Each structure stands twice: as structure tokens, then as C-alpha cells.
């Protein structure tokens, strides 16, 4: 499993890459592996408001449909439209081309509640 050090992680297996007041969000390597082959991603609407811990998107795999939760509050300012035609990018490159959406954070202090890579790794490996 891959746990990039520069990212923040939620207990629901989302990752957050912070760039100023923007948070790029996707699902972790662990999550995509547990889901199996991703066949569809229901993206949030750009411009929509989201609250931390609220379901904002869905990932459908050959095994199940899973909600994606917003790790931070704010406005969705960008979605990864490439996933419409290539949802498998979530599997092949979860921390790169498989990102799901970007939020303009309304409360960046919410990042403090997320885990660093070491804490997330412990949570995953300790079950």
C-alpha cells in the first residue's frame, strides 16, 4: 500500500492534498484496493456546498457502491471529469489522475482533525 507523506487522511479513507485554501480529494490506495475494479464515479456538482463528513460522491465498483465523504467543508470548485470516461484511473492512479474533486475550504482548521500518513497507516494496518 502507498501512503504519500504530504497528504492528510480521513477515517473514511479519503486523502486530501492541500494547496493554499484548496483541498484536492480522492480515495486512498487502500480504499481503491478494497473496492476492486471501479466502473463508475458519481461526481459532485461543481459549485455545490459541502459540509465536512457529508456524503458528496459515490464510487461504484464490481463489488459495491461506496459513498465518498468530504473531509473538509466548503464549495466544490472543480471535479475530475476525466473519470466519466475512465473511472479506472481511481484504481490505477488514486493519488494522481484518479483524484475526484477540489473544495475551496471554508474552514481550513478542519484539516487538524485529519490524520497524517503514519497515523492512517497504523489505522489501516491495525484494523
C-alpha atoms as a PDB file:
ATOM      1  CA  UNK A   1       0.000   0.000   0.000  1.00  0.00           C
ATOM      2  CA  UNK A   2       1.060   3.544  -0.730  1.00  0.00           C
ATOM      3  CA  UNK A   3       0.681   6.319   1.888  1.00  0.00           C
ATOM      4  CA  UNK A   4       2.129   9.575   0.486  1.00  0.00           C
ATOM      5  CA  UNK A   5       3.602  11.598   3.347  1.00  0.00           C
ATOM      6  CA  UNK A   6       2.448  15.010   2.084  1.00  0.00           C
ATOM      7  CA  UNK A   7      -1.258  14.120   2.255  1.00  0.00           C
ATOM      8  CA  UNK A   8      -3.847  14.196   5.045  1.00  0.00           C
ATOM      9  CA  UNK A   9      -6.220  11.243   5.522  1.00  0.00           C
ATOM     10  CA  UNK A  10      -9.746  10.689   6.837  1.00  0.00           C
ATOM     11  CA  UNK A  11     -11.006   7.677   8.765  1.00  0.00           C
ATOM     12  CA  UNK A  12     -13.331   7.062   5.787  1.00  0.00           C
ATOM     13  CA  UNK A  13     -10.280   6.523   3.513  1.00  0.00           C
ATOM     14  CA  UNK A  14     -10.215   9.822   1.640  1.00  0.00           C
ATOM     15  CA  UNK A  15      -6.990  11.694   1.062  1.00  0.00           C
ATOM     16  CA  UNK A  16      -6.532  15.466   0.965  1.00  0.00           C
ATOM     17  CA  UNK A  17      -3.814  17.379  -0.859  1.00  0.00           C
ATOM     18  CA  UNK A  18      -3.735  20.980   0.388  1.00  0.00           C
ATOM     19  CA  UNK A  19      -2.813  23.899  -1.874  1.00  0.00           C
ATOM     20  CA  UNK A  20      -3.468  27.147  -0.025  1.00  0.00           C
ATOM     21  CA  UNK A  21      -7.209  27.188   0.722  1.00  0.00           C
ATOM     22  CA  UNK A  22      -7.976  24.436  -1.794  1.00  0.00           C
ATOM     23  CA  UNK A  23      -8.196  20.751  -0.988  1.00  0.00           C
ATOM     24  CA  UNK A  24      -7.891  18.138  -3.762  1.00  0.00           C
ATOM     25  CA  UNK A  25      -9.647  14.965  -2.614  1.00  0.00           C
ATOM     26  CA  UNK A  26      -9.688  11.332  -3.686  1.00  0.00           C
ATOM     27  CA  UNK A  27      -9.801   7.870  -2.178  1.00  0.00           C
ATOM     28  CA  UNK A  28      -6.740   6.126  -0.815  1.00  0.00           C
ATOM     29  CA  UNK A  29      -4.823   3.230  -2.305  1.00  0.00           C
ATOM     30  CA  UNK A  30      -6.241   1.064   0.482  1.00  0.00           C
ATOM     31  CA  UNK A  31      -9.828   2.099  -0.390  1.00  0.00           C
ATOM     32  CA  UNK A  32      -9.485   1.511  -4.126  1.00  0.00           C
ATOM     33  CA  UNK A  33      -7.925  -1.897  -3.439  1.00  0.00           C
ATOM     34  CA  UNK A  34     -10.789  -2.855  -1.097  1.00  0.00           C
ATOM     35  CA  UNK A  35     -13.387  -1.699  -3.640  1.00  0.00           C
ATOM     36  CA  UNK A  36     -11.996  -3.668  -6.549  1.00  0.00           C
ATOM     37  CA  UNK A  37     -12.381  -2.523 -10.152  1.00  0.00           C
ATOM     38  CA  UNK A  38     -14.029   0.916 -10.234  1.00  0.00           C
ATOM     39  CA  UNK A  39     -16.591   1.111 -13.046  1.00  0.00           C
ATOM     40  CA  UNK A  40     -18.322   4.450 -12.342  1.00  0.00           C
ATOM     41  CA  UNK A  41     -17.764   7.607 -10.292  1.00  0.00           C
ATOM     42  CA  UNK A  42     -20.768   9.810  -9.463  1.00  0.00           C
ATOM     43  CA  UNK A  43     -19.061  13.199  -9.200  1.00  0.00           C
ATOM     44  CA  UNK A  44     -20.380  16.083  -7.092  1.00  0.00           C
ATOM     45  CA  UNK A  45     -21.679  19.159  -8.890  1.00  0.00           C
ATOM     46  CA  UNK A  46     -19.186  21.982  -9.262  1.00  0.00           C
ATOM     47  CA  UNK A  47     -20.419  24.947  -7.253  1.00  0.00           C
ATOM     48  CA  UNK A  48     -22.174  22.848  -4.643  1.00  0.00           C
ATOM     49  CA  UNK A  49     -21.581  23.467  -0.940  1.00  0.00           C
ATOM     50  CA  UNK A  50     -20.369  20.570   1.167  1.00  0.00           C
ATOM     51  CA  UNK A  51     -20.054  20.041   4.900  1.00  0.00           C
ATOM     52  CA  UNK A  52     -17.242  18.067   6.484  1.00  0.00           C
ATOM     53  CA  UNK A  53     -18.173  14.368   6.904  1.00  0.00           C
ATOM     54  CA  UNK A  54     -21.145  14.662   4.494  1.00  0.00           C
ATOM     55  CA  UNK A  55     -21.504  12.211   1.598  1.00  0.00           C
ATOM     56  CA  UNK A  56     -20.641  14.106  -1.596  1.00  0.00           C
ATOM     57  CA  UNK A  57     -19.918  11.486  -4.274  1.00  0.00           C
ATOM     58  CA  UNK A  58     -20.155   7.764  -4.983  1.00  0.00           C
ATOM     59  CA  UNK A  59     -17.743   5.227  -6.373  1.00  0.00           C
ATOM     60  CA  UNK A  60     -19.230   2.128  -7.953  1.00  0.00           C
ATOM     61  CA  UNK A  61     -17.091  -0.958  -8.338  1.00  0.00           C
ATOM     62  CA  UNK A  62     -17.679  -4.502  -9.462  1.00  0.00           C
ATOM     63  CA  UNK A  63     -18.190  -5.325  -5.752  1.00  0.00           C
ATOM     64  CA  UNK A  64     -20.273  -2.460  -4.339  1.00  0.00           C
ATOM     65  CA  UNK A  65     -21.241   1.214  -4.303  1.00  0.00           C
ATOM     66  CA  UNK A  66     -19.459   3.342  -1.710  1.00  0.00           C
ATOM     67  CA  UNK A  67     -20.083   6.899  -0.579  1.00  0.00           C
ATOM     68  CA  UNK A  68     -17.258   9.400  -0.704  1.00  0.00           C
ATOM     69  CA  UNK A  69     -17.301  11.837   2.201  1.00  0.00           C
ATOM     70  CA  UNK A  70     -15.980  15.377   2.226  1.00  0.00           C
ATOM     71  CA  UNK A  71     -13.094  15.587   4.695  1.00  0.00           C
ATOM     72  CA  UNK A  72     -13.484  19.388   4.799  1.00  0.00           C
ATOM     73  CA  UNK A  73     -16.274  21.939   4.374  1.00  0.00           C
ATOM     74  CA  UNK A  74     -16.522  24.428   1.533  1.00  0.00           C
ATOM     75  CA  UNK A  75     -17.512  24.807  -2.086  1.00  0.00           C
ATOM     76  CA  UNK A  76     -16.739  22.258  -4.786  1.00  0.00           C
ATOM     77  CA  UNK A  77     -14.740  24.285  -7.327  1.00  0.00           C
ATOM     78  CA  UNK A  78     -13.520  21.504  -9.617  1.00  0.00           C
ATOM     79  CA  UNK A  79     -14.392  17.899 -10.439  1.00  0.00           C
ATOM     80  CA  UNK A  80     -12.358  15.330 -12.328  1.00  0.00           C
ATOM     81  CA  UNK A  81     -14.480  14.957 -15.463  1.00  0.00           C
ATOM     82  CA  UNK A  82     -11.907  12.554 -16.919  1.00  0.00           C
ATOM     83  CA  UNK A  83     -13.347   9.910 -14.581  1.00  0.00           C
ATOM     84  CA  UNK A  84     -16.587   9.912 -16.624  1.00  0.00           C
ATOM     85  CA  UNK A  85     -14.761   8.140 -19.444  1.00  0.00           C
ATOM     86  CA  UNK A  86     -12.001   6.481 -17.403  1.00  0.00           C
ATOM     87  CA  UNK A  87     -13.200   5.611 -13.866  1.00  0.00           C
ATOM     88  CA  UNK A  88     -10.427   3.013 -13.656  1.00  0.00           C
ATOM     89  CA  UNK A  89      -7.976   5.891 -13.002  1.00  0.00           C
ATOM     90  CA  UNK A  90      -9.200   5.690  -9.389  1.00  0.00           C
ATOM     91  CA  UNK A  91      -7.607   2.209  -9.293  1.00  0.00           C
ATOM     92  CA  UNK A  92      -4.514   2.815 -11.396  1.00  0.00           C
ATOM     93  CA  UNK A  93      -3.504   6.222 -10.001  1.00  0.00           C
ATOM     94  CA  UNK A  94      -5.525   7.014  -6.838  1.00  0.00           C
ATOM     95  CA  UNK A  95      -3.213   9.856  -5.745  1.00  0.00           C
ATOM     96  CA  UNK A  96      -2.715  11.329  -9.214  1.00  0.00           C
ATOM     97  CA  UNK A  97      -5.082  11.162 -12.192  1.00  0.00           C
ATOM     98  CA  UNK A  98      -7.684   9.400 -10.024  1.00  0.00           C
ATOM     99  CA  UNK A  99      -8.479  12.446  -7.861  1.00  0.00           C
ATOM    100  CA  UNK A 100     -12.226  13.117  -7.538  1.00  0.00           C
ATOM    101  CA  UNK A 101     -12.917  16.777  -6.618  1.00  0.00           C
ATOM    102  CA  UNK A 102     -11.471  20.026  -5.271  1.00  0.00           C
ATOM    103  CA  UNK A 103     -13.001  22.070  -2.438  1.00  0.00           C
ATOM    104  CA  UNK A 104     -12.359  25.737  -1.671  1.00  0.00           C
ATOM    105  CA  UNK A 105     -12.225  25.289   2.094  1.00  0.00           C
ATOM    106  CA  UNK A 106     -14.444  27.465   4.276  1.00  0.00           C
ATOM    107  CA  UNK A 107     -12.660  26.349   7.462  1.00  0.00           C
ATOM    108  CA  UNK A 108      -9.066  25.171   6.893  1.00  0.00           C
ATOM    109  CA  UNK A 109      -8.768  24.361  10.624  1.00  0.00           C
ATOM    110  CA  UNK A 110     -10.812  21.215   9.858  1.00  0.00           C
ATOM    111  CA  UNK A 111      -7.591  19.790   8.415  1.00  0.00           C
ATOM    112  CA  UNK A 112      -6.344  19.454  12.000  1.00  0.00           C
ATOM    113  CA  UNK A 113      -8.863  16.639  12.572  1.00  0.00           C
ATOM    114  CA  UNK A 114      -7.377  14.546   9.745  1.00  0.00           C
ATOM    115  CA  UNK A 115      -4.572  12.003  10.083  1.00  0.00           C
ATOM    116  CA  UNK A 116      -1.050  12.206   8.789  1.00  0.00           C
ATOM    117  CA  UNK A 117       0.334   9.310   6.735  1.00  0.00           C
ATOM    118  CA  UNK A 118       1.792   7.477   9.759  1.00  0.00           C
ATOM    119  CA  UNK A 119      -1.492   7.608  11.709  1.00  0.00           C
ATOM    120  CA  UNK A 120      -3.502   6.495   8.668  1.00  0.00           C
ATOM    121  CA  UNK A 121      -1.086   3.606   8.042  1.00  0.00           C
ATOM    122  CA  UNK A 122      -1.489   2.490  11.673  1.00  0.00           C
ATOM    123  CA  UNK A 123      -5.294   2.646  11.405  1.00  0.00           C
ATOM    124  CA  UNK A 124      -5.305   0.542   8.223  1.00  0.00           C
ATOM    125  CA  UNK A 125      -2.720  -1.997   9.379  1.00  0.00           C
ATOM    126  CA  UNK A 126      -4.129  -2.408  12.896  1.00  0.00           C
ATOM    127  CA  UNK A 127      -7.627  -2.895  11.503  1.00  0.00           C
END
